[in-house]
Amino acid sequence: MKFIQSLHHASVLVADLAASRAFYEGVLGLEPSDKRPVLKYDGVWYELGEQQIHLLALPSPEIGLQRPEHGGRDRHTALLVNDFDGLIAHLDKHGVRYTLSHSGRRALFCRDPDGNALELIG
Protein backbone atom coordinates (compact mmCIF):
# COMPACT_ATOMS: atom_id res chain seq x y z
CA MET A 1 0.00 0.00 0.00
CA LYS A 2 1.31 3.45 -0.96
CA PHE A 3 1.09 6.06 1.79
CA ILE A 4 3.49 8.75 0.54
CA GLN A 5 2.04 11.05 -2.10
CA SER A 6 4.63 13.84 -2.46
CA LEU A 7 7.49 15.73 -0.86
CA HIS A 8 6.23 18.61 1.31
CA HIS A 9 9.44 20.30 2.46
CA ALA A 10 13.13 19.94 3.12
CA SER A 11 14.65 21.46 6.26
CA VAL A 12 18.17 22.88 6.31
CA LEU A 13 20.11 23.77 9.47
CA VAL A 14 21.88 27.13 9.25
CA ALA A 15 24.22 28.87 11.68
CA ASP A 16 23.99 32.41 10.31
CA LEU A 17 20.44 33.12 9.12
CA ALA A 18 21.40 36.46 7.54
CA ALA A 19 24.17 34.87 5.44
CA SER A 20 21.85 32.02 4.46
CA ARG A 21 19.08 34.42 3.48
CA ALA A 22 21.56 36.39 1.37
CA PHE A 23 22.34 33.15 -0.49
CA TYR A 24 18.83 31.70 -0.82
CA GLU A 25 17.19 35.04 -1.58
CA GLY A 26 19.97 37.17 -3.05
CA VAL A 27 21.67 34.49 -5.16
CA LEU A 28 18.96 31.88 -5.79
CA GLY A 29 16.13 34.43 -5.93
CA LEU A 30 13.74 32.70 -3.50
CA GLU A 31 11.13 34.75 -1.67
CA PRO A 32 10.26 34.22 2.01
CA SER A 33 6.88 32.71 2.79
CA ASP A 34 4.46 34.22 5.27
CA LYS A 35 3.22 30.74 6.24
CA ARG A 36 5.92 30.10 8.87
CA PRO A 37 4.36 30.07 12.34
CA VAL A 38 6.03 31.64 15.35
CA LEU A 39 8.49 29.06 16.69
CA LYS A 40 11.00 28.98 19.54
CA TYR A 41 13.88 29.43 17.09
CA ASP A 42 14.51 31.72 14.16
CA GLY A 43 14.19 30.67 10.54
CA VAL A 44 12.53 31.30 7.23
CA TRP A 45 10.43 29.25 4.82
CA TYR A 46 10.44 29.41 1.03
CA GLU A 47 7.65 28.06 -1.15
CA LEU A 48 8.55 26.32 -4.39
CA GLY A 49 5.23 25.44 -5.98
CA GLU A 50 3.63 22.88 -3.69
CA GLN A 51 6.91 22.21 -1.85
CA GLN A 52 8.93 24.27 0.60
CA ILE A 53 12.46 24.74 1.90
CA HIS A 54 12.71 25.55 5.62
CA LEU A 55 15.84 27.23 6.97
CA LEU A 56 16.20 26.41 10.67
CA ALA A 57 18.54 28.65 12.65
CA LEU A 58 19.63 25.91 15.03
CA PRO A 59 22.99 24.41 16.03
CA SER A 60 24.12 21.70 13.64
CA PRO A 61 25.37 18.41 15.10
CA GLU A 62 27.57 18.17 11.98
CA ILE A 63 29.86 21.15 12.62
CA GLY A 64 33.35 20.18 11.52
CA LEU A 65 32.16 17.17 9.53
CA GLN A 66 34.32 16.63 6.44
CA ARG A 67 32.12 16.94 3.33
CA PRO A 68 33.01 15.68 -0.15
CA GLU A 69 33.97 18.41 -2.61
CA HIS A 70 31.30 17.24 -5.07
CA GLY A 71 27.84 17.75 -3.59
CA GLY A 72 26.47 14.85 -5.62
CA ARG A 73 28.32 12.54 -3.25
CA ASP A 74 26.73 14.13 -0.20
CA ARG A 75 23.15 14.40 0.95
CA HIS A 76 21.55 17.23 -0.99
CA THR A 77 18.32 18.91 -1.99
CA ALA A 78 17.63 18.92 -5.73
CA LEU A 79 15.84 21.88 -7.32
CA LEU A 80 14.65 22.35 -10.91
CA VAL A 81 15.69 25.59 -12.60
CA ASN A 82 14.17 27.28 -15.64
CA ASP A 83 17.37 28.75 -17.16
CA PHE A 84 20.40 26.56 -16.55
CA ASP A 85 22.85 28.63 -18.61
CA GLY A 86 21.61 31.83 -16.99
CA LEU A 87 22.00 30.20 -13.57
CA ILE A 88 25.62 29.30 -14.30
CA ALA A 89 26.38 32.89 -15.34
CA HIS A 90 24.60 34.16 -12.21
CA LEU A 91 26.54 31.82 -9.89
CA ASP A 92 29.80 32.81 -11.58
CA LYS A 93 28.93 36.51 -11.13
CA HIS A 94 28.34 35.92 -7.40
CA GLY A 95 31.47 33.80 -6.96
CA VAL A 96 29.51 30.68 -5.96
CA ARG A 97 31.63 27.56 -6.42
CA TYR A 98 29.95 24.56 -8.05
CA THR A 99 30.73 21.29 -9.78
CA LEU A 100 28.90 19.92 -12.78
CA SER A 101 27.05 16.64 -12.51
CA HIS A 102 29.31 13.64 -13.12
CA SER A 103 26.45 11.93 -14.97
CA GLY A 104 26.56 14.38 -17.88
CA ARG A 105 23.07 15.73 -17.11
CA ARG A 106 22.43 19.46 -17.17
CA ALA A 107 22.88 19.74 -13.42
CA LEU A 108 25.34 21.25 -11.00
CA PHE A 109 26.04 21.04 -7.30
CA CYS A 110 26.82 23.96 -5.02
CA ARG A 111 26.79 24.59 -1.29
CA ASP A 112 25.08 27.22 0.83
CA PRO A 113 27.07 29.21 3.43
CA ASP A 114 26.73 26.33 5.93
CA GLY A 115 27.98 23.69 3.49
CA ASN A 116 24.54 22.18 2.75
CA ALA A 117 24.61 20.74 -0.77
CA LEU A 118 22.12 21.75 -3.44
CA GLU A 119 21.65 20.14 -6.84
CA LEU A 120 20.33 22.55 -9.46
CA ILE A 121 18.90 20.79 -12.50
CA GLY A 122 18.30 22.46 -15.88
C-alpha atoms as a PDB file:
ATOM      1  CA  MET A   1       0.000   0.000   0.000  1.00  0.00           C
ATOM      2  CA  LYS A   2       1.308   3.446  -0.961  1.00  0.00           C
ATOM      3  CA  PHE A   3       1.095   6.055   1.786  1.00  0.00           C
ATOM      4  CA  ILE A   4       3.494   8.748   0.542  1.00  0.00           C
ATOM      5  CA  GLN A   5       2.035  11.052  -2.102  1.00  0.00           C
ATOM      6  CA  SER A   6       4.631  13.844  -2.464  1.00  0.00           C
ATOM      7  CA  LEU A   7       7.486  15.727  -0.861  1.00  0.00           C
ATOM      8  CA  HIS A   8       6.232  18.614   1.313  1.00  0.00           C
ATOM      9  CA  HIS A   9       9.440  20.303   2.456  1.00  0.00           C
ATOM     10  CA  ALA A  10      13.132  19.938   3.124  1.00  0.00           C
ATOM     11  CA  SER A  11      14.651  21.464   6.260  1.00  0.00           C
ATOM     12  CA  VAL A  12      18.166  22.882   6.314  1.00  0.00           C
ATOM     13  CA  LEU A  13      20.108  23.773   9.469  1.00  0.00           C
ATOM     14  CA  VAL A  14      21.877  27.132   9.251  1.00  0.00           C
ATOM     15  CA  ALA A  15      24.219  28.869  11.683  1.00  0.00           C
ATOM     16  CA  ASP A  16      23.986  32.410  10.307  1.00  0.00           C
ATOM     17  CA  LEU A  17      20.443  33.120   9.121  1.00  0.00           C
ATOM     18  CA  ALA A  18      21.400  36.462   7.542  1.00  0.00           C
ATOM     19  CA  ALA A  19      24.165  34.867   5.437  1.00  0.00           C
ATOM     20  CA  SER A  20      21.849  32.023   4.459  1.00  0.00           C
ATOM     21  CA  ARG A  21      19.078  34.417   3.475  1.00  0.00           C
ATOM     22  CA  ALA A  22      21.564  36.386   1.373  1.00  0.00           C
ATOM     23  CA  PHE A  23      22.337  33.153  -0.488  1.00  0.00           C
ATOM     24  CA  TYR A  24      18.833  31.698  -0.820  1.00  0.00           C
ATOM     25  CA  GLU A  25      17.189  35.044  -1.576  1.00  0.00           C
ATOM     26  CA  GLY A  26      19.969  37.173  -3.054  1.00  0.00           C
ATOM     27  CA  VAL A  27      21.671  34.491  -5.157  1.00  0.00           C
ATOM     28  CA  LEU A  28      18.961  31.883  -5.789  1.00  0.00           C
ATOM     29  CA  GLY A  29      16.126  34.428  -5.933  1.00  0.00           C
ATOM     30  CA  LEU A  30      13.740  32.700  -3.501  1.00  0.00           C
ATOM     31  CA  GLU A  31      11.125  34.748  -1.674  1.00  0.00           C
ATOM     32  CA  PRO A  32      10.261  34.220   2.012  1.00  0.00           C
ATOM     33  CA  SER A  33       6.881  32.713   2.792  1.00  0.00           C
ATOM     34  CA  ASP A  34       4.458  34.223   5.271  1.00  0.00           C
ATOM     35  CA  LYS A  35       3.219  30.743   6.238  1.00  0.00           C
ATOM     36  CA  ARG A  36       5.919  30.101   8.868  1.00  0.00           C
ATOM     37  CA  PRO A  37       4.359  30.072  12.336  1.00  0.00           C
ATOM     38  CA  VAL A  38       6.031  31.639  15.352  1.00  0.00           C
ATOM     39  CA  LEU A  39       8.491  29.056  16.687  1.00  0.00           C
ATOM     40  CA  LYS A  40      11.004  28.980  19.544  1.00  0.00           C
ATOM     41  CA  TYR A  41      13.883  29.429  17.094  1.00  0.00           C
ATOM     42  CA  ASP A  42      14.505  31.725  14.157  1.00  0.00           C
ATOM     43  CA  GLY A  43      14.191  30.669  10.545  1.00  0.00           C
ATOM     44  CA  VAL A  44      12.526  31.296   7.229  1.00  0.00           C
ATOM     45  CA  TRP A  45      10.429  29.249   4.815  1.00  0.00           C
ATOM     46  CA  TYR A  46      10.443  29.407   1.025  1.00  0.00           C
ATOM     47  CA  GLU A  47       7.651  28.059  -1.152  1.00  0.00           C
ATOM     48  CA  LEU A  48       8.553  26.321  -4.394  1.00  0.00           C
ATOM     49  CA  GLY A  49       5.232  25.442  -5.978  1.00  0.00           C
ATOM     50  CA  GLU A  50       3.628  22.877  -3.688  1.00  0.00           C
ATOM     51  CA  GLN A  51       6.908  22.208  -1.847  1.00  0.00           C
ATOM     52  CA  GLN A  52       8.926  24.268   0.605  1.00  0.00           C
ATOM     53  CA  ILE A  53      12.457  24.738   1.902  1.00  0.00           C
ATOM     54  CA  HIS A  54      12.707  25.546   5.619  1.00  0.00           C
ATOM     55  CA  LEU A  55      15.839  27.229   6.970  1.00  0.00           C
ATOM     56  CA  LEU A  56      16.203  26.407  10.666  1.00  0.00           C
ATOM     57  CA  ALA A  57      18.538  28.654  12.653  1.00  0.00           C
ATOM     58  CA  LEU A  58      19.632  25.914  15.032  1.00  0.00           C
ATOM     59  CA  PRO A  59      22.989  24.408  16.031  1.00  0.00           C
ATOM     60  CA  SER A  60      24.116  21.698  13.645  1.00  0.00           C
ATOM     61  CA  PRO A  61      25.367  18.413  15.096  1.00  0.00           C
ATOM     62  CA  GLU A  62      27.566  18.173  11.985  1.00  0.00           C
ATOM     63  CA  ILE A  63      29.864  21.153  12.618  1.00  0.00           C
ATOM     64  CA  GLY A  64      33.353  20.181  11.524  1.00  0.00           C
ATOM     65  CA  LEU A  65      32.165  17.169   9.527  1.00  0.00           C
ATOM     66  CA  GLN A  66      34.316  16.631   6.439  1.00  0.00           C
ATOM     67  CA  ARG A  67      32.120  16.944   3.332  1.00  0.00           C
ATOM     68  CA  PRO A  68      33.011  15.676  -0.148  1.00  0.00           C
ATOM     69  CA  GLU A  69      33.969  18.410  -2.605  1.00  0.00           C
ATOM     70  CA  HIS A  70      31.303  17.242  -5.075  1.00  0.00           C
ATOM     71  CA  GLY A  71      27.841  17.754  -3.585  1.00  0.00           C
ATOM     72  CA  GLY A  72      26.474  14.845  -5.620  1.00  0.00           C
ATOM     73  CA  ARG A  73      28.321  12.537  -3.249  1.00  0.00           C
ATOM     74  CA  ASP A  74      26.728  14.134  -0.204  1.00  0.00           C
ATOM     75  CA  ARG A  75      23.153  14.397   0.951  1.00  0.00           C
ATOM     76  CA  HIS A  76      21.549  17.226  -0.992  1.00  0.00           C
ATOM     77  CA  THR A  77      18.321  18.906  -1.987  1.00  0.00           C
ATOM     78  CA  ALA A  78      17.628  18.924  -5.731  1.00  0.00           C
ATOM     79  CA  LEU A  79      15.845  21.880  -7.317  1.00  0.00           C
ATOM     80  CA  LEU A  80      14.648  22.347 -10.912  1.00  0.00           C
ATOM     81  CA  VAL A  81      15.693  25.593 -12.601  1.00  0.00           C
ATOM     82  CA  ASN A  82      14.170  27.278 -15.642  1.00  0.00           C
ATOM     83  CA  ASP A  83      17.366  28.750 -17.164  1.00  0.00           C
ATOM     84  CA  PHE A  84      20.403  26.557 -16.547  1.00  0.00           C
ATOM     85  CA  ASP A  85      22.849  28.628 -18.613  1.00  0.00           C
ATOM     86  CA  GLY A  86      21.613  31.834 -16.991  1.00  0.00           C
ATOM     87  CA  LEU A  87      21.996  30.195 -13.574  1.00  0.00           C
ATOM     88  CA  ILE A  88      25.621  29.299 -14.302  1.00  0.00           C
ATOM     89  CA  ALA A  89      26.379  32.891 -15.342  1.00  0.00           C
ATOM     90  CA  HIS A  90      24.605  34.164 -12.213  1.00  0.00           C
ATOM     91  CA  LEU A  91      26.541  31.823  -9.889  1.00  0.00           C
ATOM     92  CA  ASP A  92      29.798  32.810 -11.581  1.00  0.00           C
ATOM     93  CA  LYS A  93      28.926  36.506 -11.126  1.00  0.00           C
ATOM     94  CA  HIS A  94      28.339  35.919  -7.403  1.00  0.00           C
ATOM     95  CA  GLY A  95      31.474  33.797  -6.962  1.00  0.00           C
ATOM     96  CA  VAL A  96      29.513  30.676  -5.964  1.00  0.00           C
ATOM     97  CA  ARG A  97      31.628  27.556  -6.424  1.00  0.00           C
ATOM     98  CA  TYR A  98      29.951  24.560  -8.048  1.00  0.00           C
ATOM     99  CA  THR A  99      30.733  21.292  -9.776  1.00  0.00           C
ATOM    100  CA  LEU A 100      28.902  19.921 -12.779  1.00  0.00           C
ATOM    101  CA  SER A 101      27.051  16.642 -12.513  1.00  0.00           C
ATOM    102  CA  HIS A 102      29.313  13.644 -13.118  1.00  0.00           C
ATOM    103  CA  SER A 103      26.446  11.929 -14.972  1.00  0.00           C
ATOM    104  CA  GLY A 104      26.563  14.382 -17.883  1.00  0.00           C
ATOM    105  CA  ARG A 105      23.070  15.727 -17.107  1.00  0.00           C
ATOM    106  CA  ARG A 106      22.429  19.463 -17.167  1.00  0.00           C
ATOM    107  CA  ALA A 107      22.877  19.735 -13.425  1.00  0.00           C
ATOM    108  CA  LEU A 108      25.337  21.250 -11.000  1.00  0.00           C
ATOM    109  CA  PHE A 109      26.035  21.040  -7.298  1.00  0.00           C
ATOM    110  CA  CYS A 110      26.824  23.958  -5.015  1.00  0.00           C
ATOM    111  CA  ARG A 111      26.787  24.587  -1.288  1.00  0.00           C
ATOM    112  CA  ASP A 112      25.081  27.216   0.830  1.00  0.00           C
ATOM    113  CA  PRO A 113      27.073  29.212   3.429  1.00  0.00           C
ATOM    114  CA  ASP A 114      26.726  26.327   5.933  1.00  0.00           C
ATOM    115  CA  GLY A 115      27.980  23.687   3.490  1.00  0.00           C
ATOM    116  CA  ASN A 116      24.542  22.185   2.754  1.00  0.00           C
ATOM    117  CA  ALA A 117      24.609  20.738  -0.773  1.00  0.00           C
ATOM    118  CA  LEU A 118      22.117  21.750  -3.445  1.00  0.00           C
ATOM    119  CA  GLU A 119      21.646  20.140  -6.840  1.00  0.00           C
ATOM    120  CA  LEU A 120      20.326  22.550  -9.455  1.00  0.00           C
ATOM    121  CA  ILE A 121      18.903  20.790 -12.496  1.00  0.00           C
ATOM    122  CA  GLY A 122      18.301  22.460 -15.875  1.00  0.00           C
END
